[in-house]
Amino acid sequence: MDNLEQLALKRDAALRAYTSVIKANRRAGTLDLGALITASNASTSAHMAWSNAYDLLGDSYSDEIEYSDCCYGDT
């Protein structure tokens, strides 16, 4: 499995590719919906892979602090 940095690089590359498709469509004055959907799906997939890895990493390092009722006076 890729590490978080590698996934971030893939996510960024997919986003740049998606942006390039949008720019190419603007320059051409046409809408290549197939290319746009493909690039969008790739960008979303790369972002989700990074996001899931980030969440897993965060979960593994999170400190769970439990507060008891004794610490807060009765109000």
PDB file of N, CA and C in Angstrom:
ATOM      1  N   MET A   1       0.843  -1.185   0.000  1.00  0.00           N
ATOM      2  CA  MET A   1       0.000   0.000   0.000  1.00  0.00           C
ATOM      3  C   MET A   1       0.890   1.252   0.000  1.00  0.00           C
ATOM      4  N   ASP A   2       0.437   2.250  -0.704  1.00  0.00           N
ATOM      5  CA  ASP A   2       1.182   3.504  -0.763  1.00  0.00           C
ATOM      6  C   ASP A   2       1.107   4.226   0.569  1.00  0.00           C
ATOM      7  N   ASN A   3       2.156   4.986   0.857  1.00  0.00           N
ATOM      8  CA  ASN A   3       2.103   5.790   2.075  1.00  0.00           C
ATOM      9  C   ASN A   3       1.321   7.069   1.788  1.00  0.00           C
ATOM     10  N   LEU A   4       1.075   7.827   2.817  1.00  0.00           N
ATOM     11  CA  LEU A   4       0.235   9.014   2.715  1.00  0.00           C
ATOM     12  C   LEU A   4       0.806  10.028   1.728  1.00  0.00           C
ATOM     13  N   GLU A   5       2.112  10.200   1.729  1.00  0.00           N
ATOM     14  CA  GLU A   5       2.729  11.162   0.814  1.00  0.00           C
ATOM     15  C   GLU A   5       2.556  10.728  -0.642  1.00  0.00           C
ATOM     16  N   GLN A   6       2.741   9.442  -0.917  1.00  0.00           N
ATOM     17  CA  GLN A   6       2.563   8.938  -2.275  1.00  0.00           C
ATOM     18  C   GLN A   6       1.113   9.103  -2.730  1.00  0.00           C
ATOM     19  N   LEU A   7       0.181   8.839  -1.818  1.00  0.00           N
ATOM     20  CA  LEU A   7      -1.230   9.010  -2.152  1.00  0.00           C
ATOM     21  C   LEU A   7      -1.560  10.475  -2.405  1.00  0.00           C
ATOM     22  N   ALA A   8      -0.947  11.369  -1.651  1.00  0.00           N
ATOM     23  CA  ALA A   8      -1.174  12.801  -1.862  1.00  0.00           C
ATOM     24  C   ALA A   8      -0.645  13.228  -3.224  1.00  0.00           C
ATOM     25  N   LEU A   9       0.502  12.703  -3.632  1.00  0.00           N
ATOM     26  CA  LEU A   9       1.048  13.021  -4.947  1.00  0.00           C
ATOM     27  C   LEU A   9       0.142  12.509  -6.061  1.00  0.00           C
ATOM     28  N   LYS A  10      -0.389  11.303  -5.887  1.00  0.00           N
ATOM     29  CA  LYS A  10      -1.319  10.751  -6.882  1.00  0.00           C
ATOM     30  C   LYS A  10      -2.601  11.579  -6.931  1.00  0.00           C
ATOM     31  N   ARG A  11      -3.083  11.996  -5.765  1.00  0.00           N
ATOM     32  CA  ARG A  11      -4.294  12.825  -5.685  1.00  0.00           C
ATOM     33  C   ARG A  11      -4.065  14.137  -6.424  1.00  0.00           C
ATOM     34  N   ASP A  12      -2.919  14.772  -6.172  1.00  0.00           N
ATOM     35  CA  ASP A  12      -2.610  16.048  -6.811  1.00  0.00           C
ATOM     36  C   ASP A  12      -2.460  15.892  -8.329  1.00  0.00           C
ATOM     37  N   ALA A  13      -1.833  14.812  -8.762  1.00  0.00           N
ATOM     38  CA  ALA A  13      -1.666  14.566 -10.195  1.00  0.00           C
ATOM     39  C   ALA A  13      -3.019  14.356 -10.869  1.00  0.00           C
ATOM     40  N   ALA A  14      -3.906  13.634 -10.214  1.00  0.00           N
ATOM     41  CA  ALA A  14      -5.244  13.399 -10.772  1.00  0.00           C
ATOM     42  C   ALA A  14      -6.034  14.700 -10.851  1.00  0.00           C
ATOM     43  N   LEU A  15      -5.875  15.553  -9.867  1.00  0.00           N
ATOM     44  CA  LEU A  15      -6.561  16.843  -9.886  1.00  0.00           C
ATOM     45  C   LEU A  15      -6.010  17.735 -11.005  1.00  0.00           C
ATOM     46  N   ARG A  16      -4.693  17.688 -11.203  1.00  0.00           N
ATOM     47  CA  ARG A  16      -4.101  18.466 -12.305  1.00  0.00           C
ATOM     48  C   ARG A  16      -4.604  17.951 -13.655  1.00  0.00           C
ATOM     49  N   ALA A  17      -4.732  16.628 -13.792  1.00  0.00           N
ATOM     50  CA  ALA A  17      -5.242  16.054 -15.039  1.00  0.00           C
ATOM     51  C   ALA A  17      -6.688  16.491 -15.282  1.00  0.00           C
ATOM     52  N   TYR A  18      -7.481  16.496 -14.249  1.00  0.00           N
ATOM     53  CA  TYR A  18      -8.873  16.943 -14.351  1.00  0.00           C
ATOM     54  C   TYR A  18      -8.925  18.412 -14.776  1.00  0.00           C
ATOM     55  N   THR A  19      -8.089  19.231 -14.165  1.00  0.00           N
ATOM     56  CA  THR A  19      -8.029  20.655 -14.503  1.00  0.00           C
ATOM     57  C   THR A  19      -7.591  20.837 -15.960  1.00  0.00           C
ATOM     58  N   SER A  20      -6.661  20.019 -16.414  1.00  0.00           N
ATOM     59  CA  SER A  20      -6.205  20.092 -17.802  1.00  0.00           C
ATOM     60  C   SER A  20      -7.330  19.777 -18.774  1.00  0.00           C
ATOM     61  N   VAL A  21      -8.161  18.817 -18.446  1.00  0.00           N
ATOM     62  CA  VAL A  21      -9.302  18.470 -19.302  1.00  0.00           C
ATOM     63  C   VAL A  21     -10.272  19.650 -19.379  1.00  0.00           C
ATOM     64  N   ILE A  22     -10.528  20.279 -18.246  1.00  0.00           N
ATOM     65  CA  ILE A  22     -11.422  21.442 -18.237  1.00  0.00           C
ATOM     66  C   ILE A  22     -10.846  22.556 -19.107  1.00  0.00           C
ATOM     67  N   LYS A  23      -9.553  22.829 -18.955  1.00  0.00           N
ATOM     68  CA  LYS A  23      -8.912  23.883 -19.749  1.00  0.00           C
ATOM     69  C   LYS A  23      -8.948  23.553 -21.243  1.00  0.00           C
ATOM     70  N   ALA A  24      -8.697  22.286 -21.579  1.00  0.00           N
ATOM     71  CA  ALA A  24      -8.733  21.875 -22.986  1.00  0.00           C
ATOM     72  C   ALA A  24     -10.138  22.055 -23.553  1.00  0.00           C
ATOM     73  N   ASN A  25     -11.155  21.742 -22.777  1.00  0.00           N
ATOM     74  CA  ASN A  25     -12.537  21.933 -23.224  1.00  0.00           C
ATOM     75  C   ASN A  25     -12.819  23.413 -23.473  1.00  0.00           C
ATOM     76  N   ARG A  26     -12.323  24.256 -22.589  1.00  0.00           N
ATOM     77  CA  ARG A  26     -12.541  25.702 -22.762  1.00  0.00           C
ATOM     78  C   ARG A  26     -11.857  26.212 -24.018  1.00  0.00           C
ATOM     79  N   ARG A  27     -10.606  25.784 -24.228  1.00  0.00           N
ATOM     80  CA  ARG A  27      -9.863  26.233 -25.408  1.00  0.00           C
ATOM     81  C   ARG A  27     -10.538  25.775 -26.701  1.00  0.00           C
ATOM     82  N   ALA A  28     -11.022  24.542 -26.679  1.00  0.00           N
ATOM     83  CA  ALA A  28     -11.653  23.986 -27.878  1.00  0.00           C
ATOM     84  C   ALA A  28     -13.068  24.516 -28.074  1.00  0.00           C
ATOM     85  N   GLY A  29     -13.656  25.042 -27.029  1.00  0.00           N
ATOM     86  CA  GLY A  29     -15.025  25.532 -27.132  1.00  0.00           C
ATOM     87  C   GLY A  29     -16.041  24.408 -27.223  1.00  0.00           C
ATOM     88  N   THR A  30     -15.625  23.223 -26.831  1.00  0.00           N
ATOM     89  CA  THR A  30     -16.521  22.061 -26.844  1.00  0.00           C
ATOM     90  C   THR A  30     -16.492  21.398 -25.482  1.00  0.00           C
ATOM     91  N   LEU A  31     -17.368  20.459 -25.305  1.00  0.00           N
ATOM     92  CA  LEU A  31     -17.404  19.724 -24.042  1.00  0.00           C
ATOM     93  C   LEU A  31     -17.219  18.243 -24.337  1.00  0.00           C
ATOM     94  N   ASP A  32     -16.064  17.734 -23.973  1.00  0.00           N
ATOM     95  CA  ASP A  32     -15.801  16.294 -24.097  1.00  0.00           C
ATOM     96  C   ASP A  32     -16.231  15.665 -22.787  1.00  0.00           C
ATOM     97  N   LEU A  33     -17.503  15.327 -22.718  1.00  0.00           N
ATOM     98  CA  LEU A  33     -18.080  14.835 -21.475  1.00  0.00           C
ATOM     99  C   LEU A  33     -17.434  13.528 -21.023  1.00  0.00           C
ATOM    100  N   GLY A  34     -17.087  12.658 -21.952  1.00  0.00           N
ATOM    101  CA  GLY A  34     -16.452  11.392 -21.595  1.00  0.00           C
ATOM    102  C   GLY A  34     -15.116  11.598 -20.899  1.00  0.00           C
ATOM    103  N   ALA A  35     -14.293  12.485 -21.466  1.00  0.00           N
ATOM    104  CA  ALA A  35     -12.984  12.770 -20.869  1.00  0.00           C
ATOM    105  C   ALA A  35     -13.154  13.454 -19.521  1.00  0.00           C
ATOM    106  N   LEU A  36     -14.139  14.336 -19.442  1.00  0.00           N
ATOM    107  CA  LEU A  36     -14.378  15.050 -18.193  1.00  0.00           C
ATOM    108  C   LEU A  36     -14.822  14.089 -17.085  1.00  0.00           C
ATOM    109  N   ILE A  37     -15.711  13.174 -17.416  1.00  0.00           N
ATOM    110  CA  ILE A  37     -16.186  12.192 -16.424  1.00  0.00           C
ATOM    111  C   ILE A  37     -15.059  11.264 -16.005  1.00  0.00           C
ATOM    112  N   THR A  38     -14.254  10.807 -16.964  1.00  0.00           N
ATOM    113  CA  THR A  38     -13.133   9.923 -16.650  1.00  0.00           C
ATOM    114  C   THR A  38     -12.136  10.619 -15.723  1.00  0.00           C
ATOM    115  N   ALA A  39     -11.791  11.863 -16.061  1.00  0.00           N
ATOM    116  CA  ALA A  39     -10.841  12.612 -15.227  1.00  0.00           C
ATOM    117  C   ALA A  39     -11.430  12.909 -13.854  1.00  0.00           C
ATOM    118  N   SER A  40     -12.714  13.216 -13.811  1.00  0.00           N
ATOM    119  CA  SER A  40     -13.380  13.481 -12.532  1.00  0.00           C
ATOM    120  C   SER A  40     -13.397  12.239 -11.656  1.00  0.00           C
ATOM    121  N   ASN A  41     -13.721  11.103 -12.237  1.00  0.00           N
ATOM    122  CA  ASN A  41     -13.740   9.844 -11.475  1.00  0.00           C
ATOM    123  C   ASN A  41     -12.349   9.491 -10.956  1.00  0.00           C
ATOM    124  N   ALA A  42     -11.334   9.691 -11.771  1.00  0.00           N
ATOM    125  CA  ALA A  42      -9.957   9.404 -11.342  1.00  0.00           C
ATOM    126  C   ALA A  42      -9.550  10.329 -10.206  1.00  0.00           C
ATOM    127  N   SER A  43      -9.912  11.602 -10.325  1.00  0.00           N
ATOM    128  CA  SER A  43      -9.574  12.567  -9.281  1.00  0.00           C
ATOM    129  C   SER A  43     -10.290  12.228  -7.978  1.00  0.00           C
ATOM    130  N   THR A  44     -11.570  11.895  -8.075  1.00  0.00           N
ATOM    131  CA  THR A  44     -12.343  11.531  -6.885  1.00  0.00           C
ATOM    132  C   THR A  44     -11.788  10.273  -6.239  1.00  0.00           C
ATOM    133  N   SER A  45     -11.452   9.287  -7.054  1.00  0.00           N
ATOM    134  CA  SER A  45     -10.902   8.031  -6.535  1.00  0.00           C
ATOM    135  C   SER A  45      -9.573   8.264  -5.822  1.00  0.00           C
ATOM    136  N   ALA A  46      -8.697   9.068  -6.428  1.00  0.00           N
ATOM    137  CA  ALA A  46      -7.395   9.358  -5.813  1.00  0.00           C
ATOM    138  C   ALA A  46      -7.578  10.127  -4.508  1.00  0.00           C
ATOM    139  N   HIS A  47      -8.520  11.067  -4.498  1.00  0.00           N
ATOM    140  CA  HIS A  47      -8.762  11.826  -3.277  1.00  0.00           C
ATOM    141  C   HIS A  47      -9.314  10.920  -2.176  1.00  0.00           C
ATOM    142  N   MET A  48     -10.214  10.028  -2.519  1.00  0.00           N
ATOM    143  CA  MET A  48     -10.791   9.130  -1.517  1.00  0.00           C
ATOM    144  C   MET A  48      -9.731   8.183  -0.949  1.00  0.00           C
ATOM    145  N   ALA A  49      -8.828   7.698  -1.792  1.00  0.00           N
ATOM    146  CA  ALA A  49      -7.755   6.824  -1.302  1.00  0.00           C
ATOM    147  C   ALA A  49      -6.884   7.577  -0.308  1.00  0.00           C
ATOM    148  N   TRP A  50      -6.534   8.835  -0.642  1.00  0.00           N
ATOM    149  CA  TRP A  50      -5.739   9.648   0.269  1.00  0.00           C
ATOM    150  C   TRP A  50      -6.508   9.933   1.549  1.00  0.00           C
ATOM    151  N   SER A  51      -7.769  10.306   1.424  1.00  0.00           N
ATOM    152  CA  SER A  51      -8.592  10.647   2.578  1.00  0.00           C
ATOM    153  C   SER A  51      -8.753   9.455   3.526  1.00  0.00           C
ATOM    154  N   ASN A  52      -8.997   8.284   2.962  1.00  0.00           N
ATOM    155  CA  ASN A  52      -9.135   7.083   3.793  1.00  0.00           C
ATOM    156  C   ASN A  52      -7.831   6.759   4.522  1.00  0.00           C
ATOM    157  N   ALA A  53      -6.706   6.885   3.825  1.00  0.00           N
ATOM    158  CA  ALA A  53      -5.411   6.634   4.463  1.00  0.00           C
ATOM    159  C   ALA A  53      -5.149   7.662   5.558  1.00  0.00           C
ATOM    160  N   TYR A  54      -5.508   8.916   5.295  1.00  0.00           N
ATOM    161  CA  TYR A  54      -5.330   9.977   6.288  1.00  0.00           C
ATOM    162  C   TYR A  54      -6.172   9.696   7.526  1.00  0.00           C
ATOM    163  N   ASP A  55      -7.425   9.280   7.305  1.00  0.00           N
ATOM    164  CA  ASP A  55      -8.302   8.953   8.434  1.00  0.00           C
ATOM    165  C   ASP A  55      -7.757   7.779   9.238  1.00  0.00           C
ATOM    166  N   LEU A  56      -7.263   6.747   8.550  1.00  0.00           N
ATOM    167  CA  LEU A  56      -6.697   5.596   9.253  1.00  0.00           C
ATOM    168  C   LEU A  56      -5.472   5.994  10.059  1.00  0.00           C
ATOM    169  N   LEU A  57      -4.641   6.844   9.482  1.00  0.00           N
ATOM    170  CA  LEU A  57      -3.454   7.313  10.183  1.00  0.00           C
ATOM    171  C   LEU A  57      -3.858   8.114  11.414  1.00  0.00           C
ATOM    172  N   GLY A  58      -4.845   8.977  11.263  1.00  0.00           N
ATOM    173  CA  GLY A  58      -5.332   9.775  12.383  1.00  0.00           C
ATOM    174  C   GLY A  58      -5.905   8.906  13.481  1.00  0.00           C
ATOM    175  N   ASP A  59      -6.644   7.867  13.087  1.00  0.00           N
ATOM    176  CA  ASP A  59      -7.228   6.968  14.079  1.00  0.00           C
ATOM    177  C   ASP A  59      -6.156   6.220  14.855  1.00  0.00           C
ATOM    178  N   SER A  60      -5.067   5.881  14.194  1.00  0.00           N
ATOM    179  CA  SER A  60      -4.030   5.104  14.867  1.00  0.00           C
ATOM    180  C   SER A  60      -3.242   5.951  15.864  1.00  0.00           C
ATOM    181  N   TYR A  61      -3.234   7.274  15.667  1.00  0.00           N
ATOM    182  CA  TYR A  61      -2.493   8.142  16.568  1.00  0.00           C
ATOM    183  C   TYR A  61      -3.366   8.941  17.524  1.00  0.00           C
ATOM    184  N   SER A  62      -4.666   8.805  17.387  1.00  0.00           N
ATOM    185  CA  SER A  62      -5.533   9.636  18.217  1.00  0.00           C
ATOM    186  C   SER A  62      -5.489   9.182  19.672  1.00  0.00           C
ATOM    187  N   ASP A  63      -5.514  10.144  20.529  1.00  0.00           N
ATOM    188  CA  ASP A  63      -5.592   9.859  21.966  1.00  0.00           C
ATOM    189  C   ASP A  63      -7.035  10.010  22.370  1.00  0.00           C
ATOM    190  N   GLU A  64      -7.568   8.968  22.916  1.00  0.00           N
ATOM    191  CA  GLU A  64      -8.944   9.041  23.367  1.00  0.00           C
ATOM    192  C   GLU A  64      -8.949   9.406  24.834  1.00  0.00           C
ATOM    193  N   ILE A  65      -9.485  10.563  25.111  1.00  0.00           N
ATOM    194  CA  ILE A  65      -9.561  11.050  26.480  1.00  0.00           C
ATOM    195  C   ILE A  65     -11.011  10.972  26.924  1.00  0.00           C
ATOM    196  N   GLU A  66     -11.205  10.315  27.987  1.00  0.00           N
ATOM    197  CA  GLU A  66     -12.554  10.219  28.521  1.00  0.00           C
ATOM    198  C   GLU A  66     -12.655  11.098  29.753  1.00  0.00           C
ATOM    199  N   TYR A  67     -13.662  11.891  29.760  1.00  0.00           N
ATOM    200  CA  TYR A  67     -13.900  12.760  30.892  1.00  0.00           C
ATOM    201  C   TYR A  67     -15.015  12.164  31.729  1.00  0.00           C
ATOM    202  N   SER A  68     -14.809  12.135  33.005  1.00  0.00           N
ATOM    203  CA  SER A  68     -15.854  11.624  33.882  1.00  0.00           C
ATOM    204  C   SER A  68     -16.678  12.780  34.405  1.00  0.00           C
ATOM    205  N   ASP A  69     -17.853  12.479  34.887  1.00  0.00           N
ATOM    206  CA  ASP A  69     -18.741  13.508  35.406  1.00  0.00           C
ATOM    207  C   ASP A  69     -18.161  14.158  36.655  1.00  0.00           C
ATOM    208  N   CYS A  70     -17.233  13.507  37.309  1.00  0.00           N
ATOM    209  CA  CYS A  70     -16.694  14.044  38.544  1.00  0.00           C
ATOM    210  C   CYS A  70     -15.888  15.318  38.319  1.00  0.00           C
ATOM    211  N   CYS A  71     -15.405  15.506  37.094  1.00  0.00           N
ATOM    212  CA  CYS A  71     -14.544  16.662  36.813  1.00  0.00           C
ATOM    213  C   CYS A  71     -15.300  17.954  36.613  1.00  0.00           C
ATOM    214  N   TYR A  72     -16.569  17.866  36.416  1.00  0.00           N
ATOM    215  CA  TYR A  72     -17.381  19.051  36.154  1.00  0.00           C
ATOM    216  C   TYR A  72     -18.375  19.195  37.286  1.00  0.00           C
ATOM    217  N   GLY A  73     -18.396  20.229  37.973  1.00  0.00           N
ATOM    218  CA  GLY A  73     -19.331  20.389  39.082  1.00  0.00           C
ATOM    219  C   GLY A  73     -20.772  20.275  38.640  1.00  0.00           C
ATOM    220  N   ASP A  74     -21.647  19.981  39.562  1.00  0.00           N
ATOM    221  CA  ASP A  74     -23.075  19.925  39.234  1.00  0.00           C
ATOM    222  C   ASP A  74     -23.556  21.321  38.884  1.00  0.00           C
ATOM    223  N   THR A  75     -24.265  21.413  37.785  1.00  0.00           N
ATOM    224  CA  THR A  75     -24.799  22.724  37.382  1.00  0.00           C
ATOM    225  C   THR A  75     -26.288  22.664  37.264  1.00  0.00           C
TER     226      THR A  75
END
